[in-house]
N, C-alpha and C. Protein backbone atom coordinates (compact mmCIF):
# COMPACT_ATOMS: atom_id res chain seq x y z
N UNK A 1 -17.54 90.11 21.27
CA UNK A 1 -16.85 89.57 22.41
C UNK A 1 -15.50 89.05 21.95
N UNK A 2 -14.47 89.47 22.64
CA UNK A 2 -13.14 89.02 22.27
C UNK A 2 -12.60 88.09 23.34
N UNK A 3 -11.81 87.15 22.90
CA UNK A 3 -11.18 86.19 23.81
C UNK A 3 -9.69 86.46 23.82
N UNK A 4 -9.15 86.56 25.02
CA UNK A 4 -7.70 86.73 25.08
C UNK A 4 -7.06 85.36 25.27
N UNK A 5 -5.95 85.19 24.66
CA UNK A 5 -5.21 83.93 24.79
C UNK A 5 -4.35 84.01 26.03
N UNK A 6 -4.43 82.99 26.86
CA UNK A 6 -3.55 82.97 28.02
C UNK A 6 -2.17 82.52 27.56
N UNK A 7 -1.19 83.09 28.19
CA UNK A 7 0.17 82.70 27.82
C UNK A 7 0.57 81.52 28.69
N UNK A 8 1.02 80.49 28.05
CA UNK A 8 1.46 79.27 28.73
C UNK A 8 2.94 79.11 28.46
N UNK A 9 3.73 78.94 29.53
CA UNK A 9 5.15 78.77 29.31
C UNK A 9 5.43 77.55 28.44
N UNK A 10 6.47 77.63 27.68
CA UNK A 10 6.81 76.53 26.79
C UNK A 10 7.26 75.33 27.61
N UNK A 11 6.87 74.16 27.19
CA UNK A 11 7.31 72.91 27.79
C UNK A 11 7.82 72.02 26.69
N UNK A 12 8.30 70.86 27.04
CA UNK A 12 8.74 69.93 26.00
C UNK A 12 7.60 69.65 25.04
N UNK A 13 7.91 69.34 23.82
CA UNK A 13 6.87 69.13 22.82
C UNK A 13 5.98 67.95 23.17
N UNK A 14 6.47 67.01 23.98
CA UNK A 14 5.65 65.86 24.37
C UNK A 14 4.74 66.17 25.55
N UNK A 15 4.91 67.30 26.23
CA UNK A 15 4.16 67.60 27.45
C UNK A 15 2.74 68.04 27.13
N UNK A 16 1.75 67.42 27.75
CA UNK A 16 0.38 67.90 27.56
C UNK A 16 0.25 69.33 28.04
N UNK A 17 -0.53 70.12 27.34
CA UNK A 17 -0.71 71.53 27.65
C UNK A 17 -1.13 71.72 29.11
N UNK A 18 -2.00 70.83 29.62
CA UNK A 18 -2.47 70.95 31.01
C UNK A 18 -1.30 70.88 31.98
N UNK A 19 -0.33 70.02 31.74
CA UNK A 19 0.82 69.92 32.63
C UNK A 19 1.57 71.25 32.68
N UNK A 20 1.76 71.83 31.52
CA UNK A 20 2.48 73.10 31.45
C UNK A 20 1.67 74.18 32.16
N UNK A 21 0.34 74.19 31.97
CA UNK A 21 -0.52 75.17 32.64
C UNK A 21 -0.46 75.02 34.15
N UNK A 22 -0.27 73.78 34.64
CA UNK A 22 -0.21 73.55 36.08
C UNK A 22 1.15 73.95 36.65
N UNK A 23 2.07 74.34 35.81
CA UNK A 23 3.36 74.79 36.30
C UNK A 23 4.35 73.69 36.58
N UNK A 24 4.09 72.49 36.06
CA UNK A 24 5.04 71.41 36.27
C UNK A 24 6.29 71.70 35.45
N UNK A 25 7.41 71.66 36.13
CA UNK A 25 8.69 71.91 35.46
C UNK A 25 9.26 70.58 34.98
N UNK A 26 10.06 70.65 33.95
CA UNK A 26 10.63 69.45 33.36
C UNK A 26 12.14 69.55 33.33
N UNK A 27 12.77 68.41 33.47
CA UNK A 27 14.23 68.37 33.37
C UNK A 27 14.58 67.30 32.35
N UNK A 28 15.55 67.56 31.56
CA UNK A 28 16.00 66.56 30.59
C UNK A 28 17.51 66.43 30.69
N UNK A 29 17.98 65.27 30.44
CA UNK A 29 19.40 64.99 30.38
C UNK A 29 19.73 64.57 28.96
N UNK A 30 20.89 64.91 28.51
CA UNK A 30 21.31 64.57 27.16
C UNK A 30 21.07 63.08 26.89
N UNK A 31 20.26 62.76 25.92
CA UNK A 31 20.01 61.38 25.53
C UNK A 31 19.09 60.60 26.45
N UNK A 32 18.53 61.25 27.47
CA UNK A 32 17.65 60.56 28.42
C UNK A 32 16.23 61.11 28.28
N UNK A 33 15.23 60.28 28.58
CA UNK A 33 13.86 60.79 28.51
C UNK A 33 13.62 61.85 29.58
N UNK A 34 12.72 62.78 29.34
CA UNK A 34 12.42 63.82 30.33
C UNK A 34 11.87 63.22 31.62
N UNK A 35 12.15 63.89 32.73
CA UNK A 35 11.62 63.49 34.02
C UNK A 35 11.02 64.71 34.68
N UNK A 36 10.10 64.49 35.61
CA UNK A 36 9.53 65.59 36.37
C UNK A 36 10.60 66.12 37.32
N UNK A 37 10.74 67.41 37.40
CA UNK A 37 11.74 67.98 38.29
C UNK A 37 11.17 68.31 39.66
N UNK A 38 9.85 68.26 39.82
CA UNK A 38 9.26 68.57 41.11
C UNK A 38 8.26 67.51 41.54
N UNK A 39 8.54 66.25 41.22
CA UNK A 39 7.65 65.17 41.59
C UNK A 39 7.69 64.97 43.11
N UNK A 40 6.56 64.59 43.73
CA UNK A 40 6.53 64.40 45.17
C UNK A 40 7.29 63.14 45.59
N UNK A 41 7.66 63.12 46.84
CA UNK A 41 8.29 61.93 47.39
C UNK A 41 7.24 60.85 47.59
N UNK A 42 7.65 59.61 47.48
CA UNK A 42 6.76 58.49 47.75
C UNK A 42 6.86 58.17 49.23
N UNK A 43 5.70 58.02 49.87
CA UNK A 43 5.66 57.69 51.30
C UNK A 43 5.50 56.19 51.47
N UNK A 44 6.21 55.62 52.41
CA UNK A 44 6.05 54.22 52.76
C UNK A 44 4.93 54.12 53.79
N UNK A 45 4.00 53.22 53.56
CA UNK A 45 2.88 53.03 54.49
C UNK A 45 3.30 52.09 55.62
N UNK A 46 2.82 52.38 56.81
CA UNK A 46 3.07 51.52 57.96
C UNK A 46 2.24 50.23 57.81
N UNK A 47 2.71 49.12 58.39
CA UNK A 47 1.98 47.85 58.28
C UNK A 47 0.52 47.94 58.71
N UNK A 48 0.22 48.66 59.80
CA UNK A 48 -1.17 48.78 60.25
C UNK A 48 -2.04 49.49 59.22
N UNK A 49 -1.48 50.50 58.57
CA UNK A 49 -2.25 51.20 57.54
C UNK A 49 -2.47 50.30 56.32
N UNK A 50 -1.47 49.50 55.97
CA UNK A 50 -1.62 48.55 54.86
C UNK A 50 -2.76 47.58 55.15
N UNK A 51 -2.79 47.04 56.36
CA UNK A 51 -3.85 46.10 56.73
C UNK A 51 -5.22 46.79 56.74
N UNK A 52 -5.26 48.04 57.17
CA UNK A 52 -6.52 48.78 57.16
C UNK A 52 -7.03 48.95 55.73
N UNK A 53 -6.13 49.32 54.81
CA UNK A 53 -6.53 49.49 53.42
C UNK A 53 -6.98 48.15 52.82
N UNK A 54 -6.29 47.07 53.18
CA UNK A 54 -6.71 45.74 52.72
C UNK A 54 -8.11 45.40 53.24
N UNK A 55 -8.38 45.73 54.49
CA UNK A 55 -9.68 45.39 55.08
C UNK A 55 -10.81 46.19 54.44
N UNK A 56 -10.50 47.36 53.88
CA UNK A 56 -11.50 48.19 53.23
C UNK A 56 -11.66 47.88 51.75
N UNK A 57 -10.75 47.11 51.18
CA UNK A 57 -10.77 46.81 49.75
C UNK A 57 -11.74 45.71 49.39
N UNK A 58 -12.00 45.57 48.10
CA UNK A 58 -12.88 44.51 47.64
C UNK A 58 -12.39 43.86 46.34
N UNK A 59 -11.56 44.54 45.58
CA UNK A 59 -11.05 44.00 44.32
C UNK A 59 -9.55 44.26 44.25
N UNK A 60 -8.81 43.25 43.84
CA UNK A 60 -7.37 43.40 43.69
C UNK A 60 -6.87 42.50 42.58
N UNK A 61 -5.56 42.37 42.49
CA UNK A 61 -4.94 41.54 41.47
C UNK A 61 -4.07 40.49 42.13
N UNK A 62 -4.30 39.23 41.77
CA UNK A 62 -3.53 38.11 42.28
C UNK A 62 -2.52 37.71 41.21
N UNK A 63 -1.24 37.71 41.58
CA UNK A 63 -0.17 37.35 40.64
C UNK A 63 0.43 36.02 41.05
N UNK A 64 0.46 35.08 40.10
CA UNK A 64 0.97 33.73 40.34
C UNK A 64 1.91 33.34 39.22
N UNK A 65 2.62 32.27 39.45
CA UNK A 65 3.48 31.75 38.39
C UNK A 65 2.58 31.19 37.29
N UNK A 66 2.87 31.58 36.04
CA UNK A 66 2.12 31.07 34.91
C UNK A 66 2.99 30.13 34.08
N UNK A 67 2.41 29.55 33.06
CA UNK A 67 3.15 28.61 32.22
C UNK A 67 4.30 29.30 31.48
N UNK A 68 4.04 30.47 30.91
CA UNK A 68 5.06 31.16 30.13
C UNK A 68 5.48 32.49 30.74
N UNK A 69 4.64 33.05 31.58
CA UNK A 69 4.89 34.36 32.20
C UNK A 69 4.02 34.43 33.44
N UNK A 70 4.29 35.39 34.32
CA UNK A 70 3.40 35.51 35.49
C UNK A 70 1.94 35.69 35.05
N UNK A 71 1.04 35.06 35.78
CA UNK A 71 -0.39 35.17 35.52
C UNK A 71 -0.96 36.15 36.55
N UNK A 72 -1.60 37.19 36.07
CA UNK A 72 -2.19 38.20 36.94
C UNK A 72 -3.69 38.20 36.71
N UNK A 73 -4.44 37.96 37.77
CA UNK A 73 -5.89 37.85 37.65
C UNK A 73 -6.59 38.82 38.57
N UNK A 74 -7.57 39.57 38.07
CA UNK A 74 -8.37 40.41 38.96
C UNK A 74 -9.29 39.51 39.78
N UNK A 75 -9.38 39.77 41.07
CA UNK A 75 -10.23 38.96 41.94
C UNK A 75 -10.91 39.87 42.95
N UNK A 76 -12.14 39.49 43.33
CA UNK A 76 -12.72 40.13 44.50
C UNK A 76 -12.28 39.32 45.71
N UNK A 77 -12.17 39.98 46.85
CA UNK A 77 -11.56 39.33 48.00
C UNK A 77 -12.13 39.89 49.30
N UNK A 78 -11.75 39.25 50.38
CA UNK A 78 -12.03 39.75 51.72
C UNK A 78 -10.80 39.42 52.57
N UNK A 79 -10.49 40.31 53.49
CA UNK A 79 -9.41 40.05 54.43
C UNK A 79 -10.03 39.36 55.64
N UNK A 80 -9.56 38.15 55.92
CA UNK A 80 -10.10 37.37 57.04
C UNK A 80 -8.94 36.85 57.86
N UNK A 81 -8.88 37.30 59.09
CA UNK A 81 -7.77 36.96 59.99
C UNK A 81 -6.47 37.38 59.32
N UNK A 82 -5.58 36.46 59.08
CA UNK A 82 -4.30 36.81 58.46
C UNK A 82 -4.20 36.26 57.04
N UNK A 83 -5.29 36.36 56.29
CA UNK A 83 -5.29 35.87 54.91
C UNK A 83 -6.14 36.77 54.02
N UNK A 84 -5.70 36.88 52.78
CA UNK A 84 -6.54 37.42 51.72
C UNK A 84 -7.31 36.21 51.19
N UNK A 85 -8.63 36.25 51.23
CA UNK A 85 -9.46 35.11 50.82
C UNK A 85 -10.19 35.46 49.53
N UNK A 86 -10.10 34.55 48.56
CA UNK A 86 -10.83 34.70 47.30
C UNK A 86 -11.70 33.47 47.09
N UNK A 87 -12.81 33.68 46.42
CA UNK A 87 -13.70 32.58 46.06
C UNK A 87 -13.46 32.28 44.60
N UNK A 88 -13.28 31.02 44.27
CA UNK A 88 -12.91 30.65 42.91
C UNK A 88 -13.54 29.30 42.55
N UNK A 89 -13.31 28.89 41.35
CA UNK A 89 -13.74 27.58 40.89
C UNK A 89 -12.51 26.79 40.49
N UNK A 90 -12.72 25.68 39.79
CA UNK A 90 -11.59 24.91 39.28
C UNK A 90 -10.81 25.78 38.31
N UNK A 91 -9.50 25.67 38.32
CA UNK A 91 -8.68 26.47 37.40
C UNK A 91 -7.33 26.79 38.02
N UNK A 92 -6.65 27.74 37.41
CA UNK A 92 -5.26 28.01 37.78
C UNK A 92 -5.09 28.53 39.20
N UNK A 93 -6.01 29.31 39.72
CA UNK A 93 -5.88 29.82 41.08
C UNK A 93 -5.97 28.66 42.08
N UNK A 94 -6.96 27.79 41.90
CA UNK A 94 -7.13 26.65 42.80
C UNK A 94 -5.94 25.69 42.68
N UNK A 95 -5.48 25.45 41.48
CA UNK A 95 -4.33 24.54 41.29
C UNK A 95 -3.08 25.10 41.95
N UNK A 96 -2.85 26.41 41.82
CA UNK A 96 -1.69 27.03 42.48
C UNK A 96 -1.81 26.91 43.99
N UNK A 97 -3.01 27.05 44.51
CA UNK A 97 -3.22 26.91 45.95
C UNK A 97 -2.96 25.48 46.41
N UNK A 98 -3.40 24.52 45.64
CA UNK A 98 -3.17 23.11 46.00
C UNK A 98 -1.68 22.77 46.00
N UNK A 99 -0.90 23.47 45.19
CA UNK A 99 0.56 23.27 45.17
C UNK A 99 1.26 24.11 46.23
N UNK A 100 0.53 24.99 46.92
CA UNK A 100 1.12 25.84 47.96
C UNK A 100 2.10 26.85 47.40
N UNK A 101 1.83 27.34 46.19
CA UNK A 101 2.74 28.27 45.53
C UNK A 101 2.80 29.63 46.21
N UNK A 102 3.94 30.26 46.05
CA UNK A 102 4.08 31.66 46.46
C UNK A 102 3.33 32.52 45.46
N UNK A 103 2.76 33.61 45.95
CA UNK A 103 2.01 34.51 45.08
C UNK A 103 2.07 35.91 45.67
N UNK A 104 1.65 36.87 44.86
CA UNK A 104 1.55 38.25 45.30
C UNK A 104 0.13 38.74 45.03
N UNK A 105 -0.27 39.70 45.81
CA UNK A 105 -1.60 40.30 45.68
C UNK A 105 -1.43 41.80 45.81
N UNK A 106 -2.14 42.56 44.98
CA UNK A 106 -2.00 44.01 45.01
C UNK A 106 -3.37 44.67 44.92
N UNK A 107 -3.55 45.71 45.74
CA UNK A 107 -4.71 46.59 45.62
C UNK A 107 -4.19 48.01 45.55
N UNK A 108 -5.00 48.88 44.97
CA UNK A 108 -4.58 50.27 44.88
C UNK A 108 -5.77 51.18 44.68
N UNK A 109 -5.51 52.45 44.78
CA UNK A 109 -6.48 53.48 44.44
C UNK A 109 -5.67 54.63 43.87
N UNK A 110 -6.12 55.18 42.77
CA UNK A 110 -5.41 56.28 42.14
C UNK A 110 -6.36 57.42 41.82
N UNK A 111 -5.81 58.60 41.75
CA UNK A 111 -6.53 59.79 41.32
C UNK A 111 -5.72 60.36 40.16
N UNK A 112 -6.05 59.95 38.93
CA UNK A 112 -5.21 60.32 37.78
C UNK A 112 -5.09 61.82 37.54
N UNK A 113 -6.11 62.58 37.82
CA UNK A 113 -6.02 64.02 37.57
C UNK A 113 -5.14 64.72 38.59
N UNK A 114 -5.08 64.18 39.79
CA UNK A 114 -4.26 64.78 40.85
C UNK A 114 -2.88 64.14 40.94
N UNK A 115 -2.68 63.02 40.23
CA UNK A 115 -1.42 62.27 40.28
C UNK A 115 -1.11 61.79 41.68
N UNK A 116 -2.12 61.31 42.38
CA UNK A 116 -1.94 60.77 43.72
C UNK A 116 -2.47 59.35 43.75
N UNK A 117 -2.11 58.63 44.79
CA UNK A 117 -2.63 57.29 44.94
C UNK A 117 -1.86 56.49 45.95
N UNK A 118 -2.29 55.27 46.14
CA UNK A 118 -1.60 54.36 47.05
C UNK A 118 -1.68 52.95 46.50
N UNK A 119 -0.81 52.09 47.00
CA UNK A 119 -0.76 50.69 46.59
C UNK A 119 -0.30 49.87 47.78
N UNK A 120 -0.93 48.71 47.96
CA UNK A 120 -0.53 47.75 48.99
C UNK A 120 -0.26 46.42 48.30
N UNK A 121 0.87 45.80 48.64
CA UNK A 121 1.27 44.51 48.07
C UNK A 121 1.44 43.50 49.19
N UNK A 122 0.88 42.32 48.98
CA UNK A 122 1.02 41.20 49.91
C UNK A 122 1.79 40.10 49.19
N UNK A 123 2.75 39.51 49.87
CA UNK A 123 3.47 38.35 49.36
C UNK A 123 3.25 37.23 50.36
N UNK A 124 2.89 36.06 49.86
CA UNK A 124 2.65 34.94 50.76
C UNK A 124 2.50 33.64 50.00
N UNK A 125 1.96 32.66 50.67
CA UNK A 125 1.73 31.33 50.09
C UNK A 125 0.23 31.12 49.93
N UNK A 126 -0.13 30.54 48.80
CA UNK A 126 -1.53 30.20 48.55
C UNK A 126 -1.86 28.87 49.22
N UNK A 127 -3.09 28.73 49.68
CA UNK A 127 -3.56 27.48 50.26
C UNK A 127 -5.05 27.33 49.97
N UNK A 128 -5.45 26.10 49.67
CA UNK A 128 -6.88 25.84 49.51
C UNK A 128 -7.51 25.84 50.90
N UNK A 129 -8.64 26.50 51.02
CA UNK A 129 -9.37 26.57 52.27
C UNK A 129 -10.60 25.67 52.18
N UNK A 130 -11.11 25.20 53.30
CA UNK A 130 -12.28 24.31 53.24
C UNK A 130 -13.53 25.04 52.75
N UNK A 131 -14.34 24.32 52.03
CA UNK A 131 -15.64 24.84 51.62
C UNK A 131 -16.61 24.46 52.73
N UNK A 132 -16.63 25.27 53.77
CA UNK A 132 -17.46 24.99 54.93
C UNK A 132 -18.43 26.15 55.17
N UNK A 133 -19.26 25.99 56.18
CA UNK A 133 -20.27 27.00 56.47
C UNK A 133 -19.64 28.36 56.76
N UNK A 134 -18.50 28.38 57.45
CA UNK A 134 -17.85 29.65 57.78
C UNK A 134 -17.42 30.40 56.52
N UNK A 135 -16.84 29.70 55.57
CA UNK A 135 -16.41 30.36 54.33
C UNK A 135 -17.60 30.70 53.44
N UNK A 136 -18.58 29.81 53.37
CA UNK A 136 -19.76 30.09 52.56
C UNK A 136 -20.55 31.28 53.09
N UNK A 137 -20.43 31.57 54.39
CA UNK A 137 -21.15 32.70 54.99
C UNK A 137 -20.43 34.03 54.78
N UNK A 138 -19.18 34.00 54.29
CA UNK A 138 -18.45 35.25 54.07
C UNK A 138 -19.17 36.12 53.03
N UNK A 139 -19.11 37.43 53.18
CA UNK A 139 -19.72 38.32 52.18
C UNK A 139 -18.83 38.41 50.94
N UNK A 140 -18.64 37.29 50.30
CA UNK A 140 -17.74 37.17 49.16
C UNK A 140 -18.47 36.42 48.07
N UNK A 141 -19.06 37.15 47.16
CA UNK A 141 -19.85 36.55 46.09
C UNK A 141 -19.07 36.63 44.78
N UNK A 142 -19.09 35.56 44.00
CA UNK A 142 -18.36 35.59 42.73
C UNK A 142 -18.96 36.60 41.77
N UNK A 143 -18.09 37.28 41.05
CA UNK A 143 -18.54 38.22 40.02
C UNK A 143 -18.70 37.51 38.68
N UNK A 144 -17.81 36.59 38.41
CA UNK A 144 -17.84 35.88 37.12
C UNK A 144 -18.83 34.73 37.20
N UNK A 145 -19.37 34.38 36.04
CA UNK A 145 -20.31 33.27 36.00
C UNK A 145 -19.56 31.95 36.16
N UNK A 146 -20.31 30.91 36.40
CA UNK A 146 -19.72 29.58 36.56
C UNK A 146 -19.75 29.17 38.02
N UNK A 147 -19.38 27.93 38.24
CA UNK A 147 -19.39 27.40 39.59
C UNK A 147 -18.15 27.86 40.34
N UNK A 148 -18.35 28.66 41.35
CA UNK A 148 -17.26 29.23 42.16
C UNK A 148 -17.50 28.85 43.62
N UNK A 149 -17.28 27.59 43.94
CA UNK A 149 -17.57 27.11 45.28
C UNK A 149 -16.32 26.70 46.05
N UNK A 150 -15.17 27.19 45.64
CA UNK A 150 -13.91 26.89 46.32
C UNK A 150 -13.35 28.18 46.92
N UNK A 151 -12.54 28.03 47.95
CA UNK A 151 -11.93 29.18 48.61
C UNK A 151 -10.42 29.00 48.66
N UNK A 152 -9.72 30.08 48.40
CA UNK A 152 -8.26 30.09 48.43
C UNK A 152 -7.83 31.24 49.33
N UNK A 153 -6.81 30.99 50.13
CA UNK A 153 -6.27 32.03 51.00
C UNK A 153 -4.82 32.30 50.65
N UNK A 154 -4.42 33.54 50.78
CA UNK A 154 -3.03 33.95 50.61
C UNK A 154 -2.55 34.46 51.96
N UNK A 155 -1.51 33.83 52.50
CA UNK A 155 -0.98 34.26 53.79
C UNK A 155 -0.34 35.64 53.66
N UNK A 156 -0.32 36.38 54.76
CA UNK A 156 0.25 37.73 54.77
C UNK A 156 1.69 37.67 55.27
N UNK A 157 2.55 36.96 54.55
CA UNK A 157 3.94 36.82 54.98
C UNK A 157 4.69 38.15 54.93
N UNK A 158 4.44 38.92 53.91
CA UNK A 158 5.07 40.24 53.78
C UNK A 158 4.03 41.21 53.22
N UNK A 159 3.83 42.32 53.92
CA UNK A 159 2.86 43.34 53.50
C UNK A 159 3.59 44.67 53.43
N UNK A 160 3.47 45.34 52.31
CA UNK A 160 4.10 46.65 52.15
C UNK A 160 3.17 47.56 51.36
N UNK A 161 3.42 48.84 51.50
CA UNK A 161 2.58 49.80 50.78
C UNK A 161 3.30 51.11 50.57
N UNK A 162 2.78 51.86 49.62
CA UNK A 162 3.33 53.19 49.34
C UNK A 162 2.20 54.12 48.92
N UNK A 163 2.46 55.42 49.11
CA UNK A 163 1.49 56.44 48.74
C UNK A 163 2.23 57.57 48.04
N UNK A 164 1.62 58.08 46.99
CA UNK A 164 2.08 59.30 46.36
C UNK A 164 1.09 60.38 46.81
N UNK A 165 1.52 61.23 47.74
CA UNK A 165 0.60 62.22 48.31
C UNK A 165 0.40 63.40 47.39
N UNK A 166 -0.65 64.15 47.67
CA UNK A 166 -0.84 65.43 46.97
C UNK A 166 0.32 66.33 47.37
N UNK A 167 0.84 67.05 46.44
CA UNK A 167 1.97 67.91 46.74
C UNK A 167 2.24 68.85 45.59
N UNK A 168 3.33 69.54 45.69
CA UNK A 168 3.64 70.57 44.69
C UNK A 168 3.82 69.98 43.29
N UNK A 169 4.22 68.73 43.20
CA UNK A 169 4.38 68.12 41.88
C UNK A 169 3.07 67.63 41.30
N UNK A 170 2.01 67.63 42.11
CA UNK A 170 0.75 67.09 41.66
C UNK A 170 -0.26 68.14 41.26
N UNK A 171 -0.02 69.35 41.57
CA UNK A 171 -1.05 70.37 41.33
C UNK A 171 -0.59 71.39 40.33
């Protein structure tokens, strides 16, 4: 049994063979790193679609001011009314909420093999929420061990999103 070698067009030496096999073309500029020459356009998501994706999500990243650099923490969450709600314990998230700090929250989904995905970002103010029956009844259970009996909400002051759709640059 003989195997024939498929001919693959030459690509930059840094390009994975699969990219070249998929027909992705490359462009280079003198002294600049290579860029994709047929990358798809990024689509801006409408606010209603951003809120829909938030309502379907369960884990995201909360970004707050840190002591030396921004602090980014993975959190499970629920969208309730006009807030992203997280359950937490004593610590930096609760302290930032008590100070009413501005923060950002991000959720996303990616398909690395297809080079597609979406991202939604919320910018707002953190606030401590009451530990009452309504919040305790939320389907929001802590993933990390320890006492997590506090609730923090992030207002939806600004919500934006983007999608990289399947397209000629992705296949």
